[in-house]
Amino acid sequence: MPRLDNVRVGAWRDLQALVGELERGIDDQLRAEWDINIGWFDVLSSLQRLGGSARPLDIASDLRLPASSVSRRLDRLEEEGWIARHRKLVGADQRAVDVELTKSGRRLWREMNTSYRRAVQSLFAAHLDDDDIAALRSIVDRLSPEAAIDPADPGDDLADDVG
């Protein structure tokens, strides 16, 4: 494993700053056109990716956010009529809830998605060629938490250590 030197720490800090700048730029464009922030759009997009309906924990997992952060966003989206919560009567757990995009929420997502994609194109994708994207995809995949456990490596299976 390479030593954590100033170059690597600098690269990490630059990556953090750049992602923040790009997200603020996309957020600014969404707010200017829709008066809706990127956090709300992210939840609508997650629901769209998850088939239009999902549990709040699945949305949080998809967005890699704490459940409490997603819950606040869901409250606001529900107030606007863009999502609806439906209680599931599953066994004794009366707290089980599904969240669903409403008709107006699906329409809003479709329309905002055009603005979002335009912002991502101008602030990010236009500056990278196919090789850059492939290299970035490789790095993201390598750093993803799922990459930390190799299913082909029996030494990574903690279940075998139990008992």
N, C-alpha and C. Protein backbone atom coordinates (compact mmCIF):
# COMPACT_ATOMS: atom_id res chain seq x y z
N MET A 1 0.84 -1.17 0.00
CA MET A 1 0.00 0.00 0.00
C MET A 1 0.90 1.24 0.00
N PRO A 2 0.60 2.21 -0.89
CA PRO A 2 1.40 3.43 -0.93
C PRO A 2 1.24 4.24 0.37
N ARG A 3 2.31 4.92 0.71
CA ARG A 3 2.33 5.77 1.90
C ARG A 3 1.45 7.00 1.67
N LEU A 4 0.73 7.43 2.70
CA LEU A 4 -0.10 8.64 2.60
C LEU A 4 0.81 9.86 2.69
N ASP A 5 1.18 10.37 1.53
CA ASP A 5 2.07 11.52 1.47
C ASP A 5 1.26 12.79 1.16
N ASN A 6 1.96 13.91 1.08
CA ASN A 6 1.29 15.19 0.83
C ASN A 6 0.61 15.24 -0.53
N VAL A 7 1.15 14.53 -1.50
CA VAL A 7 0.53 14.50 -2.83
C VAL A 7 -0.84 13.82 -2.75
N ARG A 8 -0.92 12.70 -2.04
CA ARG A 8 -2.19 11.97 -1.91
C ARG A 8 -3.19 12.77 -1.08
N VAL A 9 -2.74 13.38 0.01
CA VAL A 9 -3.64 14.21 0.82
C VAL A 9 -4.12 15.39 0.00
N GLY A 10 -3.24 16.00 -0.77
CA GLY A 10 -3.63 17.11 -1.64
C GLY A 10 -4.64 16.70 -2.69
N ALA A 11 -4.43 15.53 -3.28
CA ALA A 11 -5.38 15.02 -4.28
C ALA A 11 -6.75 14.80 -3.64
N TRP A 12 -6.76 14.25 -2.43
CA TRP A 12 -8.02 14.02 -1.71
C TRP A 12 -8.74 15.35 -1.46
N ARG A 13 -8.00 16.34 -0.97
CA ARG A 13 -8.61 17.65 -0.68
C ARG A 13 -9.12 18.30 -1.96
N ASP A 14 -8.34 18.21 -3.02
CA ASP A 14 -8.77 18.79 -4.29
C ASP A 14 -10.04 18.11 -4.80
N LEU A 15 -10.12 16.78 -4.66
CA LEU A 15 -11.31 16.05 -5.07
C LEU A 15 -12.53 16.50 -4.27
N GLN A 16 -12.38 16.61 -2.95
CA GLN A 16 -13.49 17.08 -2.11
C GLN A 16 -13.96 18.46 -2.55
N ALA A 17 -13.02 19.37 -2.75
CA ALA A 17 -13.37 20.74 -3.13
C ALA A 17 -14.04 20.77 -4.50
N LEU A 18 -13.51 20.00 -5.45
CA LEU A 18 -14.06 19.99 -6.80
C LEU A 18 -15.48 19.44 -6.81
N VAL A 19 -15.71 18.34 -6.11
CA VAL A 19 -17.07 17.77 -6.06
C VAL A 19 -18.04 18.79 -5.47
N GLY A 20 -17.61 19.47 -4.41
CA GLY A 20 -18.45 20.51 -3.81
C GLY A 20 -18.76 21.63 -4.80
N GLU A 21 -17.75 22.08 -5.52
CA GLU A 21 -17.95 23.14 -6.51
C GLU A 21 -18.91 22.69 -7.61
N LEU A 22 -18.72 21.48 -8.11
CA LEU A 22 -19.60 20.98 -9.17
C LEU A 22 -21.04 20.86 -8.67
N GLU A 23 -21.22 20.32 -7.47
CA GLU A 23 -22.57 20.19 -6.93
C GLU A 23 -23.22 21.56 -6.72
N ARG A 24 -22.45 22.54 -6.22
CA ARG A 24 -23.00 23.89 -6.05
C ARG A 24 -23.39 24.49 -7.40
N GLY A 25 -22.58 24.25 -8.42
CA GLY A 25 -22.91 24.76 -9.74
C GLY A 25 -24.19 24.15 -10.29
N ILE A 26 -24.33 22.84 -10.12
CA ILE A 26 -25.56 22.17 -10.57
C ILE A 26 -26.75 22.67 -9.75
N ASP A 27 -26.55 22.79 -8.43
CA ASP A 27 -27.61 23.29 -7.56
C ASP A 27 -28.03 24.71 -7.97
N ASP A 28 -27.05 25.56 -8.25
CA ASP A 28 -27.37 26.94 -8.67
C ASP A 28 -28.23 26.94 -9.93
N GLN A 29 -27.89 26.08 -10.88
CA GLN A 29 -28.66 26.04 -12.12
C GLN A 29 -30.07 25.51 -11.89
N LEU A 30 -30.21 24.48 -11.04
CA LEU A 30 -31.55 23.96 -10.74
C LEU A 30 -32.39 25.00 -10.00
N ARG A 31 -31.78 25.66 -9.03
CA ARG A 31 -32.51 26.70 -8.27
C ARG A 31 -32.93 27.85 -9.18
N ALA A 32 -32.04 28.26 -10.10
CA ALA A 32 -32.36 29.37 -11.00
C ALA A 32 -33.54 29.03 -11.91
N GLU A 33 -33.57 27.79 -12.38
CA GLU A 33 -34.62 27.40 -13.32
C GLU A 33 -35.89 26.89 -12.63
N TRP A 34 -35.74 26.23 -11.47
CA TRP A 34 -36.86 25.55 -10.84
C TRP A 34 -37.17 26.00 -9.42
N ASP A 35 -36.26 26.73 -8.80
CA ASP A 35 -36.39 27.12 -7.40
C ASP A 35 -36.50 25.88 -6.50
N ILE A 36 -35.78 24.83 -6.90
CA ILE A 36 -35.73 23.56 -6.15
C ILE A 36 -34.27 23.16 -6.05
N ASN A 37 -33.85 22.74 -4.86
CA ASN A 37 -32.43 22.43 -4.68
C ASN A 37 -32.09 21.01 -5.15
N ILE A 38 -30.80 20.79 -5.30
CA ILE A 38 -30.31 19.51 -5.81
C ILE A 38 -30.64 18.36 -4.85
N GLY A 39 -30.70 18.62 -3.55
CA GLY A 39 -31.04 17.58 -2.59
C GLY A 39 -32.43 17.00 -2.83
N TRP A 40 -33.38 17.87 -3.12
CA TRP A 40 -34.73 17.39 -3.42
C TRP A 40 -34.74 16.63 -4.74
N PHE A 41 -34.04 17.19 -5.74
CA PHE A 41 -33.97 16.50 -7.03
C PHE A 41 -33.34 15.13 -6.88
N ASP A 42 -32.30 15.03 -6.06
CA ASP A 42 -31.65 13.74 -5.84
C ASP A 42 -32.62 12.69 -5.32
N VAL A 43 -33.51 13.08 -4.41
CA VAL A 43 -34.49 12.14 -3.87
C VAL A 43 -35.47 11.72 -4.96
N LEU A 44 -35.95 12.68 -5.74
CA LEU A 44 -36.85 12.34 -6.86
C LEU A 44 -36.15 11.39 -7.83
N SER A 45 -34.88 11.66 -8.12
CA SER A 45 -34.11 10.80 -9.04
C SER A 45 -33.93 9.41 -8.47
N SER A 46 -33.66 9.33 -7.18
CA SER A 46 -33.50 8.03 -6.54
C SER A 46 -34.78 7.22 -6.65
N LEU A 47 -35.89 7.86 -6.35
CA LEU A 47 -37.18 7.15 -6.48
C LEU A 47 -37.40 6.69 -7.91
N GLN A 48 -37.05 7.51 -8.87
CA GLN A 48 -37.19 7.14 -10.27
C GLN A 48 -36.33 5.92 -10.59
N ARG A 49 -35.07 5.93 -10.11
CA ARG A 49 -34.16 4.80 -10.35
C ARG A 49 -34.67 3.53 -9.69
N LEU A 50 -35.33 3.68 -8.54
CA LEU A 50 -35.81 2.53 -7.77
C LEU A 50 -37.21 2.08 -8.22
N GLY A 51 -37.65 2.55 -9.36
CA GLY A 51 -38.91 2.08 -9.93
C GLY A 51 -40.13 2.91 -9.55
N GLY A 52 -39.92 4.08 -8.95
CA GLY A 52 -41.03 4.96 -8.62
C GLY A 52 -41.56 4.80 -7.22
N SER A 53 -41.14 3.74 -6.53
CA SER A 53 -41.61 3.49 -5.16
C SER A 53 -40.51 2.75 -4.41
N ALA A 54 -40.29 3.14 -3.14
CA ALA A 54 -39.24 2.50 -2.36
C ALA A 54 -39.42 2.82 -0.88
N ARG A 55 -38.74 2.07 -0.05
CA ARG A 55 -38.70 2.37 1.38
C ARG A 55 -37.71 3.51 1.61
N PRO A 56 -37.94 4.34 2.61
CA PRO A 56 -36.99 5.42 2.89
C PRO A 56 -35.55 4.93 3.08
N LEU A 57 -35.37 3.78 3.72
CA LEU A 57 -34.01 3.27 3.91
C LEU A 57 -33.34 2.90 2.58
N ASP A 58 -34.13 2.44 1.62
CA ASP A 58 -33.57 2.13 0.30
C ASP A 58 -33.15 3.41 -0.43
N ILE A 59 -33.93 4.46 -0.25
CA ILE A 59 -33.58 5.75 -0.84
C ILE A 59 -32.28 6.27 -0.20
N ALA A 60 -32.20 6.20 1.12
CA ALA A 60 -30.99 6.65 1.82
C ALA A 60 -29.78 5.85 1.35
N SER A 61 -29.94 4.56 1.21
CA SER A 61 -28.84 3.72 0.75
C SER A 61 -28.44 4.09 -0.68
N ASP A 62 -29.40 4.30 -1.54
CA ASP A 62 -29.12 4.67 -2.93
C ASP A 62 -28.35 5.99 -3.00
N LEU A 63 -28.71 6.93 -2.12
CA LEU A 63 -28.07 8.25 -2.11
C LEU A 63 -26.83 8.30 -1.23
N ARG A 64 -26.57 7.21 -0.49
CA ARG A 64 -25.45 7.16 0.45
C ARG A 64 -25.52 8.30 1.46
N LEU A 65 -26.74 8.46 2.02
CA LEU A 65 -27.00 9.50 3.01
C LEU A 65 -27.58 8.89 4.26
N PRO A 66 -27.47 9.58 5.39
CA PRO A 66 -28.13 9.11 6.60
C PRO A 66 -29.65 9.15 6.43
N ALA A 67 -30.32 8.19 7.03
CA ALA A 67 -31.78 8.11 6.90
C ALA A 67 -32.46 9.39 7.40
N SER A 68 -31.92 10.02 8.44
CA SER A 68 -32.55 11.23 8.98
C SER A 68 -32.52 12.37 7.96
N SER A 69 -31.47 12.47 7.18
CA SER A 69 -31.37 13.49 6.15
C SER A 69 -32.41 13.26 5.06
N VAL A 70 -32.58 12.01 4.68
CA VAL A 70 -33.57 11.67 3.66
C VAL A 70 -34.97 11.91 4.19
N SER A 71 -35.20 11.60 5.45
CA SER A 71 -36.53 11.78 6.05
C SER A 71 -36.97 13.24 5.99
N ARG A 72 -36.07 14.16 6.28
CA ARG A 72 -36.41 15.59 6.20
C ARG A 72 -36.75 15.99 4.77
N ARG A 73 -36.00 15.47 3.83
CA ARG A 73 -36.28 15.79 2.43
C ARG A 73 -37.64 15.22 2.01
N LEU A 74 -37.92 14.00 2.46
CA LEU A 74 -39.21 13.39 2.13
C LEU A 74 -40.37 14.21 2.70
N ASP A 75 -40.20 14.73 3.91
CA ASP A 75 -41.24 15.57 4.52
C ASP A 75 -41.57 16.75 3.61
N ARG A 76 -40.53 17.41 3.13
CA ARG A 76 -40.74 18.60 2.29
C ARG A 76 -41.34 18.24 0.93
N LEU A 77 -40.85 17.14 0.34
CA LEU A 77 -41.40 16.71 -0.96
C LEU A 77 -42.86 16.30 -0.83
N GLU A 78 -43.20 15.69 0.30
CA GLU A 78 -44.60 15.31 0.52
C GLU A 78 -45.47 16.55 0.68
N GLU A 79 -44.97 17.56 1.40
CA GLU A 79 -45.71 18.82 1.56
C GLU A 79 -46.02 19.46 0.21
N GLU A 80 -45.09 19.32 -0.73
CA GLU A 80 -45.27 19.89 -2.07
C GLU A 80 -46.16 19.02 -2.97
N GLY A 81 -46.45 17.79 -2.53
CA GLY A 81 -47.30 16.90 -3.32
C GLY A 81 -46.55 16.10 -4.37
N TRP A 82 -45.20 16.06 -4.28
CA TRP A 82 -44.41 15.36 -5.28
C TRP A 82 -44.15 13.90 -4.93
N ILE A 83 -44.34 13.56 -3.68
CA ILE A 83 -44.27 12.16 -3.25
C ILE A 83 -45.45 11.90 -2.32
N ALA A 84 -45.75 10.62 -2.14
CA ALA A 84 -46.77 10.21 -1.17
C ALA A 84 -46.20 9.06 -0.36
N ARG A 85 -46.53 9.03 0.91
CA ARG A 85 -46.13 7.92 1.78
C ARG A 85 -47.33 7.01 1.96
N HIS A 86 -47.06 5.72 1.91
CA HIS A 86 -48.11 4.71 2.11
C HIS A 86 -47.65 3.76 3.19
N ARG A 87 -48.46 3.59 4.20
CA ARG A 87 -48.13 2.63 5.27
C ARG A 87 -48.36 1.22 4.76
N LYS A 88 -47.39 0.38 5.07
CA LYS A 88 -47.52 -1.04 4.74
C LYS A 88 -47.88 -1.76 6.03
N LEU A 89 -48.85 -2.60 5.96
CA LEU A 89 -49.23 -3.39 7.14
C LEU A 89 -48.53 -4.73 7.05
N VAL A 90 -47.30 -4.75 7.55
CA VAL A 90 -46.47 -5.95 7.50
C VAL A 90 -46.23 -6.41 8.92
N GLY A 91 -46.86 -7.50 9.30
CA GLY A 91 -46.66 -8.04 10.64
C GLY A 91 -46.97 -7.02 11.71
N ALA A 92 -46.15 -7.00 12.73
CA ALA A 92 -46.39 -6.12 13.86
C ALA A 92 -45.78 -4.73 13.65
N ASP A 93 -44.96 -4.55 12.62
CA ASP A 93 -44.29 -3.26 12.41
C ASP A 93 -45.23 -2.31 11.67
N GLN A 94 -45.86 -1.42 12.42
CA GLN A 94 -46.78 -0.44 11.84
C GLN A 94 -46.03 0.77 11.28
N ARG A 95 -44.70 0.79 11.46
CA ARG A 95 -43.92 1.92 10.98
C ARG A 95 -43.48 1.74 9.54
N ALA A 96 -43.65 0.58 8.96
CA ALA A 96 -43.18 0.32 7.60
C ALA A 96 -43.92 1.24 6.62
N VAL A 97 -43.14 1.97 5.82
CA VAL A 97 -43.69 2.95 4.89
C VAL A 97 -43.02 2.78 3.53
N ASP A 98 -43.80 2.92 2.49
CA ASP A 98 -43.27 3.04 1.14
C ASP A 98 -43.47 4.48 0.70
N VAL A 99 -42.53 4.97 -0.06
CA VAL A 99 -42.61 6.32 -0.62
C VAL A 99 -42.78 6.16 -2.12
N GLU A 100 -43.68 6.93 -2.68
CA GLU A 100 -43.99 6.80 -4.10
C GLU A 100 -44.00 8.17 -4.76
N LEU A 101 -43.46 8.23 -5.96
CA LEU A 101 -43.58 9.46 -6.75
C LEU A 101 -45.05 9.64 -7.14
N THR A 102 -45.57 10.84 -6.96
CA THR A 102 -46.92 11.13 -7.43
C THR A 102 -46.85 11.47 -8.91
N LYS A 103 -47.98 11.64 -9.52
CA LYS A 103 -48.02 12.02 -10.94
C LYS A 103 -47.29 13.34 -11.14
N SER A 104 -47.53 14.31 -10.26
CA SER A 104 -46.85 15.60 -10.40
C SER A 104 -45.35 15.46 -10.10
N GLY A 105 -44.99 14.55 -9.20
CA GLY A 105 -43.58 14.29 -8.91
C GLY A 105 -42.85 13.68 -10.09
N ARG A 106 -43.50 12.74 -10.78
CA ARG A 106 -42.89 12.15 -11.98
C ARG A 106 -42.72 13.19 -13.07
N ARG A 107 -43.74 14.04 -13.24
CA ARG A 107 -43.66 15.09 -14.26
C ARG A 107 -42.53 16.07 -13.92
N LEU A 108 -42.46 16.48 -12.64
CA LEU A 108 -41.40 17.39 -12.21
C LEU A 108 -40.03 16.76 -12.45
N TRP A 109 -39.86 15.49 -12.07
CA TRP A 109 -38.57 14.83 -12.28
C TRP A 109 -38.18 14.85 -13.75
N ARG A 110 -39.12 14.48 -14.63
CA ARG A 110 -38.83 14.45 -16.07
C ARG A 110 -38.37 15.82 -16.57
N GLU A 111 -39.07 16.85 -16.16
CA GLU A 111 -38.73 18.19 -16.63
C GLU A 111 -37.42 18.67 -16.01
N MET A 112 -37.23 18.44 -14.72
CA MET A 112 -35.99 18.86 -14.06
C MET A 112 -34.80 18.05 -14.54
N ASN A 113 -35.02 16.81 -14.90
CA ASN A 113 -33.92 15.95 -15.36
C ASN A 113 -33.24 16.54 -16.59
N THR A 114 -34.00 17.19 -17.45
CA THR A 114 -33.42 17.85 -18.62
C THR A 114 -32.47 18.96 -18.16
N SER A 115 -32.89 19.76 -17.20
CA SER A 115 -32.04 20.83 -16.66
C SER A 115 -30.82 20.25 -15.96
N TYR A 116 -31.02 19.20 -15.19
CA TYR A 116 -29.92 18.55 -14.47
C TYR A 116 -28.88 18.02 -15.45
N ARG A 117 -29.34 17.33 -16.47
CA ARG A 117 -28.41 16.75 -17.45
C ARG A 117 -27.65 17.85 -18.21
N ARG A 118 -28.33 18.93 -18.50
CA ARG A 118 -27.68 20.06 -19.17
C ARG A 118 -26.58 20.64 -18.26
N ALA A 119 -26.86 20.78 -16.96
CA ALA A 119 -25.87 21.29 -16.01
C ALA A 119 -24.70 20.33 -15.87
N VAL A 120 -24.96 19.03 -15.75
CA VAL A 120 -23.88 18.04 -15.65
C VAL A 120 -23.03 18.06 -16.92
N GLN A 121 -23.68 18.20 -18.06
CA GLN A 121 -22.94 18.26 -19.33
C GLN A 121 -22.00 19.46 -19.35
N SER A 122 -22.51 20.64 -19.00
CA SER A 122 -21.69 21.85 -19.12
C SER A 122 -20.61 21.94 -18.05
N LEU A 123 -20.88 21.46 -16.84
CA LEU A 123 -19.93 21.61 -15.74
C LEU A 123 -18.97 20.44 -15.60
N PHE A 124 -19.32 19.28 -16.16
CA PHE A 124 -18.54 18.07 -15.93
C PHE A 124 -18.20 17.36 -17.24
N ALA A 125 -19.19 16.79 -17.88
CA ALA A 125 -18.96 15.87 -19.00
C ALA A 125 -18.27 16.54 -20.19
N ALA A 126 -18.55 17.80 -20.45
CA ALA A 126 -17.96 18.49 -21.60
C ALA A 126 -16.45 18.61 -21.50
N HIS A 127 -15.92 18.47 -20.30
CA HIS A 127 -14.49 18.64 -20.06
C HIS A 127 -13.71 17.32 -20.10
N LEU A 128 -14.40 16.22 -20.31
CA LEU A 128 -13.77 14.90 -20.24
C LEU A 128 -14.05 14.11 -21.51
N ASP A 129 -13.04 13.39 -21.99
CA ASP A 129 -13.27 12.51 -23.14
C ASP A 129 -13.60 11.10 -22.64
N ASP A 130 -13.83 10.19 -23.55
CA ASP A 130 -14.22 8.82 -23.19
C ASP A 130 -13.18 8.13 -22.31
N ASP A 131 -11.90 8.36 -22.61
CA ASP A 131 -10.83 7.75 -21.80
C ASP A 131 -10.84 8.31 -20.37
N ASP A 132 -11.08 9.62 -20.25
CA ASP A 132 -11.16 10.23 -18.92
C ASP A 132 -12.31 9.62 -18.12
N ILE A 133 -13.45 9.46 -18.76
CA ILE A 133 -14.62 8.89 -18.08
C ILE A 133 -14.34 7.45 -17.67
N ALA A 134 -13.70 6.67 -18.54
CA ALA A 134 -13.37 5.29 -18.20
C ALA A 134 -12.41 5.24 -17.01
N ALA A 135 -11.42 6.12 -16.99
CA ALA A 135 -10.47 6.15 -15.88
C ALA A 135 -11.17 6.57 -14.59
N LEU A 136 -12.03 7.56 -14.68
CA LEU A 136 -12.77 8.01 -13.50
C LEU A 136 -13.70 6.92 -12.99
N ARG A 137 -14.37 6.23 -13.90
CA ARG A 137 -15.26 5.13 -13.52
C ARG A 137 -14.48 4.04 -12.79
N SER A 138 -13.28 3.73 -13.29
CA SER A 138 -12.44 2.73 -12.66
C SER A 138 -12.05 3.14 -11.24
N ILE A 139 -11.71 4.40 -11.06
CA ILE A 139 -11.33 4.90 -9.73
C ILE A 139 -12.53 4.86 -8.79
N VAL A 140 -13.68 5.31 -9.25
CA VAL A 140 -14.89 5.30 -8.41
C VAL A 140 -15.22 3.86 -8.01
N ASP A 141 -15.14 2.95 -8.96
CA ASP A 141 -15.43 1.54 -8.64
C ASP A 141 -14.45 0.98 -7.62
N ARG A 142 -13.19 1.36 -7.75
CA ARG A 142 -12.16 0.86 -6.83
C ARG A 142 -12.36 1.41 -5.42
N LEU A 143 -12.84 2.65 -5.31
CA LEU A 143 -13.02 3.29 -4.01
C LEU A 143 -14.38 3.02 -3.39
N SER A 144 -15.29 2.45 -4.15
CA SER A 144 -16.63 2.16 -3.67
C SER A 144 -16.57 1.17 -2.50
N PRO A 145 -17.40 1.37 -1.47
CA PRO A 145 -17.38 0.43 -0.34
C PRO A 145 -17.61 -1.02 -0.75
N GLU A 146 -18.37 -1.25 -1.80
CA GLU A 146 -18.62 -2.61 -2.26
C GLU A 146 -17.34 -3.26 -2.77
N ALA A 147 -16.39 -2.46 -3.23
CA ALA A 147 -15.14 -2.99 -3.76
C ALA A 147 -14.22 -3.48 -2.64
N ALA A 148 -14.49 -3.06 -1.41
CA ALA A 148 -13.63 -3.45 -0.29
C ALA A 148 -13.74 -4.93 0.03
N ILE A 149 -14.85 -5.56 -0.34
CA ILE A 149 -15.05 -6.99 -0.08
C ILE A 149 -15.06 -7.71 -1.42
N ASP A 150 -14.13 -8.59 -1.60
CA ASP A 150 -14.03 -9.36 -2.84
C ASP A 150 -14.77 -10.67 -2.64
N PRO A 151 -15.93 -10.85 -3.32
CA PRO A 151 -16.70 -12.08 -3.13
C PRO A 151 -15.94 -13.33 -3.56
N ALA A 152 -14.92 -13.18 -4.39
CA ALA A 152 -14.14 -14.33 -4.83
C ALA A 152 -13.08 -14.73 -3.81
N ASP A 153 -12.87 -13.86 -2.80
CA ASP A 153 -11.84 -14.12 -1.79
C ASP A 153 -12.50 -14.67 -0.53
N PRO A 154 -12.36 -15.97 -0.26
CA PRO A 154 -13.00 -16.56 0.91
C PRO A 154 -12.50 -15.95 2.22
N GLY A 155 -11.37 -15.32 2.22
CA GLY A 155 -10.85 -14.66 3.41
C GLY A 155 -11.66 -13.44 3.78
N ASP A 156 -12.43 -12.88 2.84
CA ASP A 156 -13.25 -11.72 3.12
C ASP A 156 -14.61 -12.08 3.71
N ASP A 157 -14.97 -13.35 3.75
CA ASP A 157 -16.28 -13.74 4.21
C ASP A 157 -16.28 -13.86 5.74
N LEU A 158 -16.79 -12.85 6.40
CA LEU A 158 -16.80 -12.84 7.86
C LEU A 158 -17.78 -13.87 8.43
N ALA A 159 -18.74 -14.27 7.65
CA ALA A 159 -19.71 -15.26 8.14
C ALA A 159 -19.05 -16.57 8.49
N ASP A 160 -17.96 -16.89 7.78
CA ASP A 160 -17.25 -18.14 8.06
C ASP A 160 -16.56 -18.11 9.43
N ASP A 161 -16.30 -16.89 9.93
CA ASP A 161 -15.59 -16.74 11.20
C ASP A 161 -16.51 -16.85 12.40
N VAL A 162 -17.82 -16.81 12.18
CA VAL A 162 -18.77 -16.87 13.29
C VAL A 162 -18.92 -18.29 13.77
N GLY A 163 -18.96 -18.44 15.10
CA GLY A 163 -19.28 -19.75 15.64
C GLY A 163 -18.10 -20.49 16.05
